């Protein structure tokens, strides 16, 4: 916690906020600004020579990030690259991996997918001359339930898999906080002959991942949530090594996707490396890469096993506190109760009121920052890097004070 800038409270009885919005934008590490200033100093001191002569040469800057990022997602450095932003990376990956042919044209997503993913897959279907209303299959929870069951996903793939070209689900659902069984769904999708990719925006830095061992085809994620790299920060991309160096795999290319050893020959034909670096298009924005490097090195020093252990305890404590107040209020937790089926986010549904207004009152009356997803979901994420048990207590007290009990009680 002492490694992060904490926010002053705008309401309540405590000097600092209880911050539960790290699943939307993580707090700023104290090391980010001085380390970014080092890169700025290089620019001011040697300008263009920084590409080759700085302490962290810019031509290889992304390699400094690849190792710790790969360890964070359970991959090999050659399978991992940081570049662009999340939806841009998803489009670049679908250029390579969504290849509809014959009856195998469908893209399977969850009905509660983040809107950007929905827009991306629909536009990809349309780009291939398909009707997105027919090509995109949205899997829904069972009636009366809030989250998808793994067995329902795998059953669909077993029954309809010969028509599925791509499975693209969120590893942790942004709305409900459900952690999907990534290895089970990946195995089912690949057994059906489909390509399986993952949006890990709410999973990376939140739950342990093993993308290489789980045989995932590809994945993409942002770094401004649990990875604390700043608003709109550069994103990550994974491509399994079995696809690397495949000359038949279509891919949009640019200068920075060339082998570094031949890049400055300025040849008219690309020579992409047999690594995820081949998906790079433009040169890397170095000043945007710095905060990502700072963040992943912090995760590397702490380690996901320790963070996951604390996350389970911290989230479980918040859940027990919420249990004490939801029984007699129009509140219900929609996130799975099983710790193995969630990360650190708990989503609370408010019946008969505005989630945005509740979020506003929590902030200005109690100094608790959560976020809302209209019309009725408040998301609380006790992030293990900087949230405390006292923060969790403050959130529960604030909810109890702000949401009235049922009239009959």
Protein backbone atom coordinates (compact mmCIF):
# COMPACT_ATOMS: atom_id res chain seq x y z
CA UNK A 1 0.00 0.00 0.00
CA UNK A 2 2.83 2.39 0.77
CA UNK A 3 4.04 2.00 -2.83
CA UNK A 4 0.92 3.76 -4.21
CA UNK A 5 -0.51 7.26 -4.23
CA UNK A 6 -3.69 7.15 -2.11
CA UNK A 7 -6.52 9.60 -2.65
CA UNK A 8 -7.78 12.12 -0.10
CA UNK A 9 -11.38 11.50 0.91
CA UNK A 10 -14.07 13.93 -0.24
CA UNK A 11 -16.53 12.83 2.42
CA UNK A 12 -16.83 10.74 5.55
CA UNK A 13 -14.68 10.58 8.66
CA UNK A 14 -11.38 9.28 7.24
CA UNK A 15 -8.56 11.24 5.56
CA UNK A 16 -8.11 8.78 2.67
CA UNK A 17 -10.68 7.15 0.44
CA UNK A 18 -11.45 3.47 0.62
CA UNK A 19 -10.71 2.75 -3.04
CA UNK A 20 -12.64 -0.11 -4.66
CA UNK A 21 -12.41 0.93 -8.33
CA UNK A 22 -9.08 -0.71 -9.18
CA UNK A 23 -11.01 -2.99 -11.53
CA UNK A 24 -11.67 0.16 -13.59
CA UNK A 25 -8.50 2.20 -13.02
CA UNK A 26 -5.72 1.19 -10.66
CA UNK A 27 -3.95 3.61 -8.37
CA UNK A 28 -0.70 5.20 -9.48
CA UNK A 29 2.49 3.55 -8.17
CA UNK A 30 4.84 6.06 -6.53
CA UNK A 31 7.67 4.79 -8.74
CA UNK A 32 5.88 5.63 -12.00
CA UNK A 33 6.58 9.37 -12.15
CA UNK A 34 10.31 9.27 -11.30
CA UNK A 35 10.95 6.35 -13.65
CA UNK A 36 9.01 8.06 -16.42
CA UNK A 37 11.09 11.16 -15.75
CA UNK A 38 14.22 9.09 -16.46
CA UNK A 39 12.90 8.34 -19.94
CA UNK A 40 12.03 12.02 -20.42
CA UNK A 41 15.57 12.93 -19.38
CA UNK A 42 17.01 10.54 -21.96
CA UNK A 43 14.94 12.25 -24.63
CA UNK A 44 16.12 15.70 -23.54
CA UNK A 45 19.76 14.62 -23.20
CA UNK A 46 20.46 12.55 -26.32
CA UNK A 47 17.25 12.78 -28.40
CA UNK A 48 17.26 10.40 -31.39
CA UNK A 49 20.29 8.48 -30.10
CA UNK A 50 18.05 7.15 -27.34
CA UNK A 51 16.85 4.46 -29.71
CA UNK A 52 20.25 2.77 -29.37
CA UNK A 53 22.41 4.48 -26.75
CA UNK A 54 20.23 5.05 -23.68
CA UNK A 55 20.42 2.95 -20.53
CA UNK A 56 17.18 1.38 -21.73
CA UNK A 57 17.53 1.52 -25.55
CA UNK A 58 14.17 2.32 -27.05
CA UNK A 59 14.48 -0.18 -29.89
CA UNK A 60 14.42 -2.97 -27.30
CA UNK A 61 12.30 -1.31 -24.63
CA UNK A 62 9.39 -3.71 -25.12
CA UNK A 63 11.71 -6.62 -24.36
CA UNK A 64 12.15 -5.25 -20.82
CA UNK A 65 8.42 -5.70 -20.34
CA UNK A 66 7.99 -9.06 -22.09
CA UNK A 67 9.65 -11.19 -19.40
CA UNK A 68 7.74 -10.01 -16.32
CA UNK A 69 4.50 -9.74 -18.31
CA UNK A 70 4.95 -13.29 -19.57
CA UNK A 71 5.45 -14.55 -16.02
CA UNK A 72 2.32 -12.71 -14.94
CA UNK A 73 0.12 -14.45 -17.54
CA UNK A 74 1.86 -17.83 -17.50
CA UNK A 75 3.49 -17.53 -20.91
CA UNK A 76 6.91 -17.47 -22.53
CA UNK A 77 8.50 -14.12 -23.39
CA UNK A 78 8.44 -15.04 -27.07
CA UNK A 79 4.65 -15.42 -26.84
CA UNK A 80 4.04 -12.02 -25.24
CA UNK A 81 4.26 -8.42 -26.37
CA UNK A 82 2.96 -5.10 -25.04
CA UNK A 83 1.55 -2.76 -27.69
CA UNK A 84 -1.48 -0.69 -28.75
CA UNK A 85 -4.68 -0.86 -26.70
CA UNK A 86 -6.97 -3.77 -25.96
CA UNK A 87 -9.58 -3.60 -28.71
CA UNK A 88 -6.96 -2.72 -31.33
CA UNK A 89 -5.07 -5.86 -30.32
CA UNK A 90 -8.23 -7.96 -30.46
CA UNK A 91 -8.84 -6.78 -34.02
CA UNK A 92 -5.24 -7.54 -35.05
CA UNK A 93 -5.55 -10.99 -33.50
CA UNK A 94 -8.87 -11.69 -35.20
CA UNK A 95 -7.28 -10.81 -38.53
CA UNK A 96 -5.10 -13.83 -37.90
CA UNK A 97 -7.45 -16.17 -36.05
CA UNK A 98 -11.01 -15.50 -37.18
CA UNK A 99 -11.09 -17.24 -40.54
CA UNK A 100 -14.67 -18.28 -41.29
CA UNK A 101 -15.09 -20.95 -43.93
CA UNK A 102 -17.99 -23.11 -45.02
CA UNK A 103 -20.41 -23.66 -42.15
CA UNK A 104 -17.74 -22.78 -39.56
CA UNK A 105 -18.51 -19.07 -39.23
CA UNK A 106 -19.76 -18.44 -35.69
CA UNK A 107 -18.10 -16.36 -33.00
CA UNK A 108 -19.11 -17.35 -29.46
CA UNK A 109 -19.11 -14.67 -26.77
CA UNK A 110 -20.95 -14.23 -23.48
CA UNK A 111 -24.12 -12.17 -23.51
CA UNK A 112 -22.66 -9.92 -20.79
CA UNK A 113 -19.46 -9.31 -22.76
CA UNK A 114 -17.92 -5.86 -22.44
CA UNK A 115 -19.52 -3.71 -25.16
CA UNK A 116 -16.22 -3.11 -26.97
CA UNK A 117 -15.82 -6.87 -27.45
CA UNK A 118 -19.36 -7.09 -28.81
CA UNK A 119 -18.70 -4.27 -31.26
CA UNK A 120 -15.40 -5.81 -32.31
CA UNK A 121 -16.72 -9.29 -33.09
CA UNK A 122 -19.80 -7.94 -34.87
CA UNK A 123 -17.65 -5.71 -37.05
CA UNK A 124 -15.32 -8.62 -37.81
CA UNK A 125 -18.27 -10.75 -38.92
CA UNK A 126 -19.52 -7.90 -41.07
CA UNK A 127 -16.04 -7.42 -42.54
CA UNK A 128 -16.16 -11.03 -43.73
CA UNK A 129 -19.52 -10.45 -45.44
CA UNK A 130 -21.54 -12.19 -42.72
CA UNK A 131 -24.66 -11.10 -40.87
CA UNK A 132 -23.45 -10.37 -37.32
CA UNK A 133 -26.88 -11.25 -35.90
CA UNK A 134 -26.37 -14.76 -37.27
CA UNK A 135 -22.61 -15.15 -36.90
CA UNK A 136 -22.25 -13.92 -33.31
CA UNK A 137 -23.64 -16.30 -30.69
CA UNK A 138 -24.24 -14.79 -27.25
CA UNK A 139 -24.32 -17.40 -24.48
CA UNK A 140 -26.67 -16.48 -21.64
CA UNK A 141 -26.94 -17.73 -18.05
CA UNK A 142 -29.78 -20.04 -17.18
CA UNK A 143 -33.09 -18.36 -16.33
CA UNK A 144 -32.93 -16.85 -12.86
CA UNK A 145 -29.12 -17.02 -12.72
CA UNK A 146 -26.56 -14.25 -13.16
CA UNK A 147 -23.47 -16.10 -14.37
CA UNK A 148 -22.63 -18.65 -17.05
CA UNK A 149 -22.06 -22.24 -16.04
CA UNK A 150 -18.96 -23.88 -17.49
CA UNK A 151 -20.93 -26.99 -18.35
CA UNK A 152 -23.35 -24.92 -20.44
CA UNK A 153 -20.50 -23.41 -22.44
CA UNK A 154 -18.82 -26.75 -23.02
CA UNK A 155 -22.16 -28.39 -23.86
CA UNK A 156 -22.83 -25.78 -26.53
CA UNK A 157 -19.37 -26.35 -28.03
CA UNK A 158 -19.88 -30.12 -28.02
CA UNK A 159 -23.24 -29.79 -29.77
CA UNK A 160 -22.56 -26.91 -32.17
CA UNK A 161 -18.77 -26.78 -32.34
CA UNK A 162 -18.56 -27.72 -36.01
CA UNK A 163 -20.15 -24.34 -36.79
CA UNK A 164 -17.89 -22.31 -34.47
CA UNK A 165 -14.83 -20.57 -35.89
CA UNK A 166 -13.88 -18.59 -32.79
CA UNK A 167 -14.58 -18.62 -29.07
CA UNK A 168 -13.81 -15.23 -27.49
CA UNK A 169 -14.83 -14.87 -23.85
CA UNK A 170 -13.78 -12.65 -20.98
CA UNK A 171 -11.58 -14.46 -18.47
CA UNK A 172 -13.25 -12.54 -15.63
CA UNK A 173 -16.57 -11.01 -16.57
CA UNK A 174 -16.48 -7.24 -16.20
CA UNK A 175 -20.07 -7.01 -14.90
CA UNK A 176 -20.48 -9.97 -12.56
CA UNK A 177 -16.87 -10.64 -11.57
CA UNK A 178 -17.20 -14.33 -12.52
CA UNK A 179 -13.91 -16.13 -13.24
CA UNK A 180 -14.52 -18.45 -16.17
CA UNK A 181 -12.88 -21.88 -16.18
CA UNK A 182 -10.37 -20.90 -18.86
CA UNK A 183 -8.63 -24.29 -19.27
CA UNK A 184 -11.92 -26.22 -19.48
CA UNK A 185 -13.50 -23.91 -22.04
CA UNK A 186 -10.26 -23.72 -24.03
CA UNK A 187 -10.04 -27.52 -24.18
CA UNK A 188 -13.69 -27.80 -25.24
CA UNK A 189 -13.32 -25.17 -27.94
CA UNK A 190 -10.18 -26.63 -29.40
CA UNK A 191 -11.67 -30.15 -29.30
CA UNK A 192 -14.53 -28.78 -31.39
CA UNK A 193 -12.05 -27.47 -33.95
CA UNK A 194 -12.47 -23.80 -33.05
CA UNK A 195 -9.84 -21.20 -32.23
CA UNK A 196 -10.06 -20.03 -28.61
CA UNK A 197 -9.07 -16.52 -27.53
CA UNK A 198 -9.55 -14.60 -24.30
CA UNK A 199 -10.10 -11.02 -23.23
CA UNK A 200 -8.20 -10.90 -19.94
CA UNK A 201 -8.81 -7.23 -19.08
CA UNK A 202 -10.28 -8.13 -15.67
CA UNK A 203 -8.18 -11.24 -15.12
CA UNK A 204 -4.55 -10.15 -15.54
CA UNK A 205 -3.06 -9.07 -12.23
CA UNK A 206 -6.22 -10.35 -10.53
CA UNK A 207 -6.04 -14.15 -10.79
CA UNK A 208 -3.24 -16.61 -11.62
CA UNK A 209 -2.99 -17.42 -15.33
CA UNK A 210 -1.20 -20.16 -17.27
CA UNK A 211 -1.93 -19.31 -20.90
CA UNK A 212 0.81 -21.46 -22.41
CA UNK A 213 0.00 -24.58 -20.40
CA UNK A 214 -3.74 -24.11 -20.92
CA UNK A 215 -3.12 -24.21 -24.68
CA UNK A 216 -4.90 -20.90 -25.31
CA UNK A 217 -4.58 -19.80 -28.94
CA UNK A 218 -4.42 -16.07 -28.22
CA UNK A 219 -5.30 -13.49 -25.59
CA UNK A 220 -5.30 -9.73 -25.10
CA UNK A 221 -5.62 -7.50 -22.04
CA UNK A 222 -5.37 -3.91 -20.92
CA UNK A 223 -2.97 -2.75 -18.20
CA UNK A 224 -4.74 0.17 -16.56
CA UNK A 225 -6.95 -1.82 -14.20
CA UNK A 226 -5.21 -4.23 -11.83
CA UNK A 227 -1.83 -3.50 -13.46
CA UNK A 228 -1.96 0.19 -12.51
CA UNK A 229 -0.26 1.49 -15.66
CA UNK A 230 -2.37 4.62 -16.09
CA UNK A 231 -5.50 5.67 -17.99
CA UNK A 232 -5.59 4.25 -21.52
CA UNK A 233 -2.25 2.50 -20.97
CA UNK A 234 -0.67 0.15 -23.48
CA UNK A 235 -2.13 -3.34 -23.65
CA UNK A 236 -0.76 -6.87 -23.74
CA UNK A 237 -1.01 -9.60 -26.34
CA UNK A 238 -0.34 -13.37 -26.23
CA UNK A 239 -0.01 -15.80 -29.12
CA UNK A 240 0.72 -19.45 -28.37
CA UNK A 241 4.08 -20.60 -29.67
CA UNK A 242 2.53 -23.19 -31.99
CA UNK A 243 1.34 -20.29 -34.14
CA UNK A 244 4.58 -18.33 -34.10
CA UNK A 245 6.49 -18.32 -37.37
CA UNK A 246 3.56 -19.85 -39.30
CA UNK A 247 3.96 -18.42 -42.83
CA UNK A 248 0.34 -19.22 -43.72
CA UNK A 249 -1.15 -17.21 -40.87
CA UNK A 250 -2.58 -13.90 -42.17
CA UNK A 251 -1.47 -10.85 -40.25
CA UNK A 252 -1.44 -7.09 -40.72
CA UNK A 253 2.18 -5.98 -40.79
CA UNK A 254 4.21 -2.84 -40.31
CA UNK A 255 7.82 -1.78 -39.89
CA UNK A 256 8.08 -2.58 -36.19
CA UNK A 257 7.00 -6.18 -36.77
CA UNK A 258 10.28 -6.78 -38.61
CA UNK A 259 13.27 -8.60 -37.18
CA UNK A 260 15.35 -5.98 -35.40
CA UNK A 261 18.50 -7.27 -37.08
CA UNK A 262 17.06 -6.48 -40.53
CA UNK A 263 14.64 -3.64 -39.72
CA UNK A 264 17.03 -0.89 -40.71
CA UNK A 265 17.85 -2.46 -44.07
CA UNK A 266 14.59 -0.78 -45.17
CA UNK A 267 13.69 -3.75 -47.36
CA UNK A 268 10.33 -3.67 -49.17
CA UNK A 269 9.30 -7.12 -47.87
CA UNK A 270 8.80 -7.79 -44.16
CA UNK A 271 10.84 -10.40 -42.30
CA UNK A 272 8.77 -10.97 -39.15
CA UNK A 273 10.35 -12.79 -36.20
CA UNK A 274 8.94 -16.09 -34.98
CA UNK A 275 7.63 -14.37 -31.84
CA UNK A 276 4.62 -12.34 -30.77
CA UNK A 277 6.66 -9.27 -31.77
CA UNK A 278 5.55 -10.02 -35.34
CA UNK A 279 2.10 -8.60 -34.47
CA UNK A 280 3.62 -5.18 -33.80
CA UNK A 281 2.77 -2.67 -36.49
CA UNK A 282 4.05 0.76 -35.48
CA UNK A 283 7.04 1.72 -33.38
CA UNK A 284 6.45 1.60 -29.67
CA UNK A 285 5.40 4.75 -27.73
CA UNK A 286 8.27 4.70 -25.25
CA UNK A 287 6.82 7.20 -22.79
CA UNK A 288 3.68 5.03 -22.60
CA UNK A 289 5.73 1.85 -22.22
CA UNK A 290 7.52 3.12 -19.10
CA UNK A 291 4.55 2.95 -16.70
CA UNK A 292 3.81 -0.61 -17.86
CA UNK A 293 7.40 -1.62 -17.15
CA UNK A 294 7.21 -0.06 -13.67
CA UNK A 295 4.02 -1.95 -12.94
CA UNK A 296 4.98 -5.42 -14.13
CA UNK A 297 8.28 -5.20 -12.28
CA UNK A 298 6.28 -4.52 -9.11
CA UNK A 299 4.13 -7.60 -9.75
CA UNK A 300 7.28 -9.58 -10.48
CA UNK A 301 8.71 -8.65 -7.08
CA UNK A 302 5.53 -9.55 -5.15
CA UNK A 303 4.33 -12.55 -7.16
CA UNK A 304 0.79 -13.61 -8.05
CA UNK A 305 0.68 -16.55 -5.57
CA UNK A 306 1.03 -14.16 -2.61
CA UNK A 307 -1.42 -11.68 -4.12
CA UNK A 308 -3.98 -14.37 -4.87
CA UNK A 309 -3.74 -15.75 -1.33
CA UNK A 310 -4.38 -12.30 0.14
CA UNK A 311 -7.10 -11.58 -2.42
CA UNK A 312 -9.08 -14.65 -1.39
CA UNK A 313 -8.92 -13.65 2.28
CA UNK A 314 -9.72 -9.98 1.64
CA UNK A 315 -12.61 -10.64 -0.75
CA UNK A 316 -13.99 -13.30 1.57
CA UNK A 317 -13.97 -10.78 4.44
CA UNK A 318 -15.85 -8.23 2.34
CA UNK A 319 -18.36 -10.90 1.34
CA UNK A 320 -19.05 -11.80 4.98
CA UNK A 321 -19.56 -8.13 5.82
CA UNK A 322 -21.96 -7.71 2.90
CA UNK A 323 -23.89 -10.78 4.02
CA UNK A 324 -24.71 -8.94 7.23
CA UNK A 325 -26.38 -6.04 5.42
CA UNK A 326 -27.87 -7.49 2.23
CA UNK A 327 -30.37 -9.78 3.96
CA UNK A 328 -32.67 -6.92 4.99
CA UNK A 329 -31.90 -4.44 2.19
CA UNK A 330 -32.63 -4.39 -1.55
CA UNK A 331 -29.06 -5.55 -2.23
CA UNK A 332 -27.73 -8.86 -3.53
CA UNK A 333 -24.27 -10.06 -4.49
CA UNK A 334 -24.32 -11.54 -8.01
CA UNK A 335 -20.67 -12.68 -8.06
CA UNK A 336 -20.16 -16.43 -7.43
CA UNK A 337 -19.55 -17.29 -3.78
CA UNK A 338 -16.94 -19.93 -4.59
CA UNK A 339 -13.51 -18.19 -4.41
CA UNK A 340 -12.31 -20.40 -7.27
CA UNK A 341 -14.95 -18.83 -9.52
CA UNK A 342 -14.08 -15.19 -8.94
CA UNK A 343 -11.26 -12.70 -8.58
CA UNK A 344 -11.35 -9.82 -6.13
CA UNK A 345 -14.43 -8.09 -7.55
CA UNK A 346 -17.83 -8.40 -5.88
CA UNK A 347 -20.76 -7.04 -7.87
CA UNK A 348 -23.77 -5.91 -5.85
CA UNK A 349 -27.20 -5.47 -7.42
CA UNK A 350 -29.41 -2.66 -6.13
CA UNK A 351 -33.11 -3.30 -6.62
CA UNK A 352 -35.32 -0.31 -7.26
CA UNK A 353 -32.71 2.43 -7.32
CA UNK A 354 -29.91 4.02 -9.33
CA UNK A 355 -26.47 2.45 -9.09
CA UNK A 356 -24.87 5.70 -10.26
CA UNK A 357 -26.58 7.70 -7.53
CA UNK A 358 -25.56 5.13 -4.91
CA UNK A 359 -21.96 5.31 -6.12
CA UNK A 360 -22.06 9.11 -5.89
CA UNK A 361 -23.35 9.03 -2.31
CA UNK A 362 -20.76 6.48 -1.23
CA UNK A 363 -18.04 8.78 -2.49
CA UNK A 364 -19.23 12.15 -1.22
CA UNK A 365 -20.91 11.07 2.02
CA UNK A 366 -18.57 8.28 3.12
CA UNK A 367 -15.28 8.54 1.22
CA UNK A 368 -15.77 5.16 -0.45
CA UNK A 369 -15.06 4.98 -4.19
CA UNK A 370 -16.77 2.15 -6.03
CA UNK A 371 -18.01 2.18 -9.58
CA UNK A 372 -21.42 1.62 -11.09
CA UNK A 373 -22.70 -0.11 -14.16
CA UNK A 374 -26.18 1.05 -14.93
CA UNK A 375 -28.85 0.38 -14.23
CA UNK A 376 -28.33 -1.56 -11.01
CA UNK A 377 -24.78 -2.87 -10.39
CA UNK A 378 -22.21 -1.50 -7.95
CA UNK A 379 -18.76 -3.08 -8.31
CA UNK A 380 -16.44 -3.34 -5.30
CA UNK A 381 -12.89 -4.59 -5.89
CA UNK A 382 -10.66 -4.94 -2.81
CA UNK A 383 -7.34 -5.00 -4.65
CA UNK A 384 -4.78 -7.03 -2.67
CA UNK A 385 -1.87 -4.71 -3.51
CA UNK A 386 -3.32 -1.73 -1.67
CA UNK A 387 -6.79 -2.37 -0.19
CA UNK A 388 -7.18 -3.16 3.51
CA UNK A 389 -9.61 -5.00 5.76
CA UNK A 390 -10.51 -1.63 7.22
CA UNK A 391 -11.42 -0.43 3.72
CA UNK A 392 -13.79 -3.39 3.42
CA UNK A 393 -15.41 -2.54 6.75
CA UNK A 394 -15.84 1.06 5.63
CA UNK A 395 -17.56 -0.04 2.42
CA UNK A 396 -20.02 -2.26 4.28
CA UNK A 397 -20.79 0.46 6.85
CA UNK A 398 -21.29 2.99 4.06
CA UNK A 399 -23.68 0.72 2.16
CA UNK A 400 -25.65 0.03 5.33
CA UNK A 401 -25.94 3.74 6.05
CA UNK A 402 -26.89 4.67 2.48
CA UNK A 403 -29.35 1.93 1.49
CA UNK A 404 -32.52 1.75 3.55
CA UNK A 405 -33.76 -1.52 4.98
CA UNK A 406 -36.84 -3.15 3.49
CA UNK A 407 -39.90 -1.31 4.88
CA UNK A 408 -41.42 -4.47 6.34
CA UNK A 409 -38.29 -5.06 8.39
